[in-house]
Structures are given as structure tokens and as C-alpha cells.
Amino acid sequence: MGNEQRFLVVKNKDEKTIKYFEYNKIGGYKITPKKNVKFEDAINVNKMILINPSLIEKMIDKKVKRKLDYLINMMSIVCDSDDDNADGLYLALDEVEKFKMEVINKYKKYVEEEKMEMLMKKISILEDELNLRIKYMGIDFEKEKEGKSR
């Protein structure tokens, strides 16, 4: 593969310099851009590492808010439907639990404790609401799983 060189472009008021920067030793939040987005007369980036803690926190807040809005929208659609089938509720509950695990595993070390507690409370409210809807429909989760076994 050869010798890989990585550089950081630092822009100051009076001078523009390129400095050698070792990315393997930096601890930060890794971001990959959206696929198939190319600009003319620009540098195409495959991976970016955010180092500034405030910038990391803003990026994570934006991602978490977008995902929470998506989950709330999904919940409202599923709960407003007149179907007697609870498949949509179980799907939404799985999405909420998946998001909860993602928050714990990916974002815990980058977010302050207070914001993390608040986020976990919001997620638990979504889970509780879905569980109440499932119980309200009269479908018990354990009864749903029962069946023939070998």
C-alpha cells in the first residue's frame, strides 16, 4: 500500500501552511460524508475527525434531535392508524431500543452527563408510551412469542 501521508491545512490571517498531523493518535468523533455528493472545484473528503468538543457536541445534538423527531413521527403514524395489528408498534419499539443502544455505545463519551440523562429520559418516555399502547391493544408480548417449539 505504501507510505500514507496525512496533512492538516491550517488557515491563519497572513499565512497558509500545511503541517503534518498524525490522525491515529487523535481521539475525536469520526464523520463520513453522504455518498454521491461531489462538488466542483472543491476537495472531496472521505472521512473527517472532529476534535473540538463543542463542535462534537453540536453535531451529536443535531443527529440525536433528527433521530428523535423521526421516532416521534413514526410513533404518531403507528398510533394513529386504526389497524388491530401490533406489528407497527413492535417495529417502533425495536427502533427506539436500537436508538437507545446507539446512544449508549456511540455518543456517551462525547456528551455531558446532564444531557445524557435527559436524552435517556426522553427515550424511556417513548418506550413507556409504546409499551402502554401495546398493553392497551390487549396484546401481551409474551403471548405473542408463544408458539410451537421443538
Protein backbone atom coordinates (compact mmCIF):
# COMPACT_ATOMS: atom_id res chain seq x y z
CA MET A 1 0.00 0.00 0.00
CA GLY A 2 2.92 2.30 0.54
CA ASN A 3 3.60 5.24 2.76
CA GLU A 4 0.48 7.21 3.60
CA GLN A 5 0.94 10.86 4.43
CA ARG A 6 -1.76 12.87 6.11
CA PHE A 7 -1.77 16.62 6.38
CA LEU A 8 -3.72 19.36 8.08
CA VAL A 9 -4.34 22.66 6.33
CA VAL A 10 -4.23 25.49 8.84
CA LYS A 11 -5.55 28.84 7.72
CA ASN A 12 -4.26 31.88 9.54
CA LYS A 13 -4.78 35.50 8.61
CA ASP A 14 -1.44 36.10 6.96
CA GLU A 15 -0.10 32.68 6.06
CA LYS A 16 -1.28 29.36 4.77
CA THR A 17 0.77 26.37 5.84
CA ILE A 18 0.43 22.65 5.57
CA LYS A 19 1.51 20.74 8.64
CA TYR A 20 2.00 17.05 9.22
CA PHE A 21 -0.61 15.69 11.58
CA GLU A 22 -0.85 12.15 12.99
CA TYR A 23 -4.52 11.19 12.90
CA ASN A 24 -4.02 7.78 14.51
CA LYS A 25 -3.15 9.40 17.84
CA ILE A 26 -6.06 11.84 17.91
CA GLY A 27 -9.17 10.99 19.86
CA GLY A 28 -12.22 12.54 18.28
CA TYR A 29 -15.59 11.96 16.69
CA LYS A 30 -15.31 10.41 13.22
CA ILE A 31 -17.69 11.56 10.50
CA THR A 32 -18.13 10.29 6.96
CA PRO A 33 -19.92 12.48 4.41
CA LYS A 34 -23.01 11.47 2.49
CA LYS A 35 -22.39 9.29 -0.53
CA ASN A 36 -22.52 10.61 -4.09
CA VAL A 37 -22.20 14.26 -3.08
CA LYS A 38 -19.47 15.83 -5.18
CA PHE A 39 -18.67 19.49 -5.66
CA GLU A 40 -16.70 21.03 -8.48
CA ASP A 41 -13.58 22.96 -7.55
CA ALA A 42 -13.59 21.52 -4.03
CA ILE A 43 -11.69 18.96 -2.01
CA ASN A 44 -13.57 15.67 -1.73
CA VAL A 45 -13.36 14.17 1.75
CA ASN A 46 -13.82 10.50 2.66
CA LYS A 47 -13.51 10.83 6.42
CA MET A 48 -13.32 13.67 8.89
CA ILE A 49 -12.39 13.70 12.57
CA LEU A 50 -13.85 16.40 14.81
CA ILE A 51 -11.54 17.38 17.65
CA ASN A 52 -13.23 20.45 19.12
CA PRO A 53 -15.53 19.30 21.99
CA SER A 54 -18.14 22.00 21.42
CA LEU A 55 -18.32 21.14 17.72
CA ILE A 56 -18.65 17.44 18.54
CA GLU A 57 -21.45 18.17 20.97
CA LYS A 58 -23.32 20.32 18.43
CA MET A 59 -23.00 17.61 15.76
CA ILE A 60 -24.25 14.90 18.11
CA ASP A 61 -27.13 17.09 19.34
CA LYS A 62 -28.17 17.65 15.72
CA LYS A 63 -28.04 13.92 14.91
CA VAL A 64 -29.91 12.93 18.08
CA LYS A 65 -32.60 15.57 17.57
CA ARG A 66 -33.16 14.43 13.98
CA LYS A 67 -33.47 10.77 15.07
CA LEU A 68 -35.82 11.64 17.97
CA ASP A 69 -38.05 13.62 15.60
CA TYR A 70 -38.09 10.64 13.23
CA LEU A 71 -39.06 8.26 16.05
CA ILE A 72 -41.80 10.57 17.34
CA ASN A 73 -43.18 10.91 13.81
CA MET A 74 -43.10 7.12 13.38
CA MET A 75 -44.88 6.69 16.72
CA SER A 76 -47.60 9.14 15.81
CA ILE A 77 -48.22 7.41 12.47
CA VAL A 78 -48.30 3.95 14.04
CA CYS A 79 -50.50 5.01 16.97
CA ASP A 80 -52.97 6.92 14.78
CA SER A 81 -53.53 4.02 12.43
CA ASP A 82 -56.71 2.01 13.02
CA ASP A 83 -55.09 -1.39 12.50
CA ASP A 84 -55.63 -4.01 15.18
CA ASN A 85 -52.26 -5.48 14.29
CA ALA A 86 -49.43 -4.52 16.66
CA ASP A 87 -46.63 -5.11 14.16
CA GLY A 88 -46.11 -1.37 13.71
CA LEU A 89 -45.90 -0.87 17.47
CA TYR A 90 -43.31 -3.63 17.80
CA LEU A 91 -41.34 -2.18 14.90
CA ALA A 92 -41.36 1.27 16.52
CA LEU A 93 -40.35 -0.24 19.88
CA ASP A 94 -37.44 -2.04 18.21
CA GLU A 95 -36.34 1.22 16.57
CA VAL A 96 -36.45 3.03 19.92
CA GLU A 97 -34.39 0.32 21.63
CA LYS A 98 -31.91 0.30 18.74
CA PHE A 99 -31.54 4.08 19.06
CA LYS A 100 -31.06 3.75 22.82
CA MET A 101 -28.21 1.28 22.33
CA GLU A 102 -26.68 3.51 19.64
CA VAL A 103 -26.73 6.50 22.00
CA ILE A 104 -25.14 4.50 24.81
CA ASN A 105 -22.43 2.95 22.64
CA LYS A 106 -21.56 5.81 20.27
CA TYR A 107 -22.31 9.11 21.98
CA LYS A 108 -21.85 8.52 25.71
CA LYS A 109 -18.21 9.61 25.85
CA TYR A 110 -18.84 12.80 23.87
CA VAL A 111 -21.96 14.13 25.65
CA GLU A 112 -22.17 15.66 29.12
CA GLU A 113 -23.85 13.63 31.86
CA GLU A 114 -26.80 16.02 32.23
CA LYS A 115 -27.63 15.91 28.53
CA MET A 116 -27.19 12.13 28.51
CA GLU A 117 -29.62 11.73 31.42
CA MET A 118 -32.14 13.98 29.69
CA LEU A 119 -31.80 12.01 26.46
CA MET A 120 -32.25 8.70 28.29
CA LYS A 121 -35.39 10.08 29.96
CA LYS A 122 -36.80 11.07 26.57
CA ILE A 123 -36.07 7.62 25.16
CA SER A 124 -37.60 5.90 28.18
CA ILE A 125 -40.76 8.02 27.76
CA LEU A 126 -41.02 6.81 24.15
CA GLU A 127 -40.53 3.19 25.27
CA ASP A 128 -43.12 3.51 28.03
CA GLU A 129 -45.66 5.04 25.65
CA LEU A 130 -45.19 2.23 23.13
CA ASN A 131 -45.46 -0.42 25.84
CA LEU A 132 -48.67 1.19 27.11
CA ARG A 133 -50.11 1.22 23.60
CA ILE A 134 -49.27 -2.46 23.19
CA LYS A 135 -50.93 -3.31 26.52
CA TYR A 136 -53.91 -1.11 25.65
CA MET A 137 -54.46 -3.08 22.46
CA GLY A 138 -54.69 -6.20 24.60
CA ILE A 139 -51.73 -7.90 23.04
CA ASP A 140 -49.25 -9.24 25.52
CA PHE A 141 -45.65 -9.51 24.39
CA GLU A 142 -45.15 -12.95 25.96
CA LYS A 143 -48.32 -14.33 24.37
CA GLU A 144 -47.13 -13.09 21.01
CA LYS A 145 -43.91 -15.07 21.31
CA GLU A 146 -45.60 -18.33 22.34
CA GLY A 147 -45.96 -20.95 19.70
CA LYS A 148 -44.81 -24.36 18.69
CA SER A 149 -41.42 -25.30 20.00
CA ARG A 150 -39.26 -28.28 19.32
